[in-house]
Amino acid sequence: MKTKTIFIIAFTAIITIFLMINTDAVEFNFIFVKKDISKLLVVGVCTFVGFVLGYWAGRPKTTVSTYDRVDTPIKSGDHKNTLSDEDRDYIS
């Protein structure tokens, strides 16, 4: 197994054990309401939101590169039309 996989399994196990230990109800003060809610639910939701926000903030951004563009190839006769008369005289 890779180190990353072992780390993910261990971290998930630790979070699960932590959530299972903290199942008692606690009074939480929301902005306008006081409510008795299980610590399991609050910690679980906060952990999930943290993972989602961390993934969203850390994902690679989509960029447009000049390599992504498809340019039409120049035909062999097209380059002669772009030369000035002076350049044609020099070449021939």
C-alpha atoms as a PDB file:
ATOM      1  CA  MET A   1       0.000   0.000   0.000  1.00  0.00           C
ATOM      2  CA  LYS A   2       1.056   3.554  -0.620  1.00  0.00           C
ATOM      3  CA  THR A   3       1.733   5.924   2.230  1.00  0.00           C
ATOM      4  CA  LYS A   4      -1.094   8.185   1.099  1.00  0.00           C
ATOM      5  CA  THR A   5      -3.608   5.322   1.288  1.00  0.00           C
ATOM      6  CA  ILE A   6      -2.437   4.306   4.766  1.00  0.00           C
ATOM      7  CA  PHE A   7      -2.690   7.932   5.928  1.00  0.00           C
ATOM      8  CA  ILE A   8      -6.252   8.260   4.579  1.00  0.00           C
ATOM      9  CA  ILE A   9      -7.358   5.003   6.242  1.00  0.00           C
ATOM     10  CA  ALA A  10      -5.771   5.952   9.581  1.00  0.00           C
ATOM     11  CA  PHE A  11      -7.193   9.488   9.503  1.00  0.00           C
ATOM     12  CA  THR A  12     -10.678   8.192   8.657  1.00  0.00           C
ATOM     13  CA  ALA A  13     -10.493   5.655  11.498  1.00  0.00           C
ATOM     14  CA  ILE A  14      -9.405   8.330  14.001  1.00  0.00           C
ATOM     15  CA  ILE A  15     -12.220  10.678  12.932  1.00  0.00           C
ATOM     16  CA  THR A  16     -14.766   7.825  13.173  1.00  0.00           C
ATOM     17  CA  ILE A  17     -13.591   6.854  16.672  1.00  0.00           C
ATOM     18  CA  PHE A  18     -13.664  10.517  17.745  1.00  0.00           C
ATOM     19  CA  LEU A  19     -17.217  10.909  16.455  1.00  0.00           C
ATOM     20  CA  MET A  20     -18.416   7.735  18.177  1.00  0.00           C
ATOM     21  CA  ILE A  21     -16.972   8.824  21.544  1.00  0.00           C
ATOM     22  CA  ASN A  22     -18.706  12.241  21.411  1.00  0.00           C
ATOM     23  CA  THR A  23     -22.368  11.296  21.044  1.00  0.00           C
ATOM     24  CA  ASP A  24     -23.809  13.187  24.020  1.00  0.00           C
ATOM     25  CA  ALA A  25     -26.132  16.160  23.450  1.00  0.00           C
ATOM     26  CA  VAL A  26     -24.759  19.622  24.117  1.00  0.00           C
ATOM     27  CA  GLU A  27     -26.432  23.032  24.007  1.00  0.00           C
ATOM     28  CA  PHE A  28     -25.204  25.010  21.012  1.00  0.00           C
ATOM     29  CA  ASN A  29     -25.852  28.712  20.585  1.00  0.00           C
ATOM     30  CA  PHE A  30     -26.732  29.503  17.017  1.00  0.00           C
ATOM     31  CA  ILE A  31     -27.212  33.120  15.981  1.00  0.00           C
ATOM     32  CA  PHE A  32     -30.731  33.514  17.392  1.00  0.00           C
ATOM     33  CA  VAL A  33     -31.560  30.065  18.775  1.00  0.00           C
ATOM     34  CA  LYS A  34     -30.230  27.813  21.536  1.00  0.00           C
ATOM     35  CA  LYS A  35     -30.611  24.145  20.676  1.00  0.00           C
ATOM     36  CA  ASP A  36     -29.514  20.813  22.160  1.00  0.00           C
ATOM     37  CA  ILE A  37     -27.667  18.946  19.402  1.00  0.00           C
ATOM     38  CA  SER A  38     -25.453  15.884  19.437  1.00  0.00           C
ATOM     39  CA  LYS A  39     -21.741  16.631  19.265  1.00  0.00           C
ATOM     40  CA  LEU A  40     -21.529  13.771  16.785  1.00  0.00           C
ATOM     41  CA  LEU A  41     -23.697  15.674  14.328  1.00  0.00           C
ATOM     42  CA  VAL A  42     -21.935  19.022  14.752  1.00  0.00           C
ATOM     43  CA  VAL A  43     -18.403  17.633  14.515  1.00  0.00           C
ATOM     44  CA  GLY A  44     -19.378  15.370  11.601  1.00  0.00           C
ATOM     45  CA  VAL A  45     -20.980  18.208   9.626  1.00  0.00           C
ATOM     46  CA  CYS A  46     -18.040  20.538  10.341  1.00  0.00           C
ATOM     47  CA  THR A  47     -15.558  17.859   9.248  1.00  0.00           C
ATOM     48  CA  PHE A  48     -17.479  17.205   6.029  1.00  0.00           C
ATOM     49  CA  VAL A  49     -17.769  20.926   5.252  1.00  0.00           C
ATOM     50  CA  GLY A  50     -14.059  21.342   5.970  1.00  0.00           C
ATOM     51  CA  PHE A  51     -13.126  18.557   3.554  1.00  0.00           C
ATOM     52  CA  VAL A  52     -15.389  19.961   0.838  1.00  0.00           C
ATOM     53  CA  LEU A  53     -14.029  23.497   1.266  1.00  0.00           C
ATOM     54  CA  GLY A  54     -10.446  22.211   1.380  1.00  0.00           C
ATOM     55  CA  TYR A  55     -10.931  20.260  -1.837  1.00  0.00           C
ATOM     56  CA  TRP A  56     -12.649  23.197  -3.499  1.00  0.00           C
ATOM     57  CA  ALA A  57      -9.874  25.620  -2.490  1.00  0.00           C
ATOM     58  CA  GLY A  58      -7.013  23.247  -3.319  1.00  0.00           C
ATOM     59  CA  ARG A  59      -8.090  21.810  -6.651  1.00  0.00           C
ATOM     60  CA  PRO A  60      -6.101  22.790  -9.707  1.00  0.00           C
ATOM     61  CA  LYS A  61      -7.461  25.705 -11.626  1.00  0.00           C
ATOM     62  CA  THR A  62      -8.436  25.329 -15.264  1.00  0.00           C
ATOM     63  CA  THR A  63      -6.232  27.487 -17.420  1.00  0.00           C
ATOM     64  CA  VAL A  64      -6.210  28.103 -21.121  1.00  0.00           C
ATOM     65  CA  SER A  65      -2.814  27.656 -22.650  1.00  0.00           C
ATOM     66  CA  THR A  66      -1.492  28.492 -26.070  1.00  0.00           C
ATOM     67  CA  TYR A  67      -0.827  24.772 -26.421  1.00  0.00           C
ATOM     68  CA  ASP A  68      -4.564  24.094 -26.137  1.00  0.00           C
ATOM     69  CA  ARG A  69      -5.303  26.120 -29.261  1.00  0.00           C
ATOM     70  CA  VAL A  70      -5.418  24.413 -32.622  1.00  0.00           C
ATOM     71  CA  ASP A  71      -3.772  26.538 -35.256  1.00  0.00           C
ATOM     72  CA  THR A  72      -4.168  25.903 -38.937  1.00  0.00           C
ATOM     73  CA  PRO A  73      -0.925  24.720 -40.499  1.00  0.00           C
ATOM     74  CA  ILE A  74       0.781  26.996 -43.008  1.00  0.00           C
ATOM     75  CA  LYS A  75       0.732  25.618 -46.496  1.00  0.00           C
ATOM     76  CA  SER A  76       3.978  25.527 -48.427  1.00  0.00           C
ATOM     77  CA  GLY A  77       2.849  28.214 -50.897  1.00  0.00           C
ATOM     78  CA  ASP A  78       1.495  30.612 -48.265  1.00  0.00           C
ATOM     79  CA  HIS A  79       4.851  31.843 -47.002  1.00  0.00           C
ATOM     80  CA  LYS A  80       5.726  33.300 -50.388  1.00  0.00           C
ATOM     81  CA  ASN A  81       2.763  35.656 -50.217  1.00  0.00           C
ATOM     82  CA  THR A  82       3.937  37.160 -46.944  1.00  0.00           C
ATOM     83  CA  LEU A  83       7.393  38.141 -48.213  1.00  0.00           C
ATOM     84  CA  SER A  84       8.138  41.630 -49.439  1.00  0.00           C
ATOM     85  CA  ASP A  85       9.633  42.207 -52.878  1.00  0.00           C
ATOM     86  CA  GLU A  86      12.971  43.071 -51.298  1.00  0.00           C
ATOM     87  CA  ASP A  87      13.012  39.752 -49.402  1.00  0.00           C
ATOM     88  CA  ARG A  88      12.156  37.803 -52.567  1.00  0.00           C
ATOM     89  CA  ASP A  89      15.029  39.465 -54.420  1.00  0.00           C
ATOM     90  CA  TYR A  90      17.431  38.608 -51.602  1.00  0.00           C
ATOM     91  CA  ILE A  91      16.352  34.951 -51.530  1.00  0.00           C
ATOM     92  CA  SER A  92      16.524  34.378 -55.290  1.00  0.00           C
END
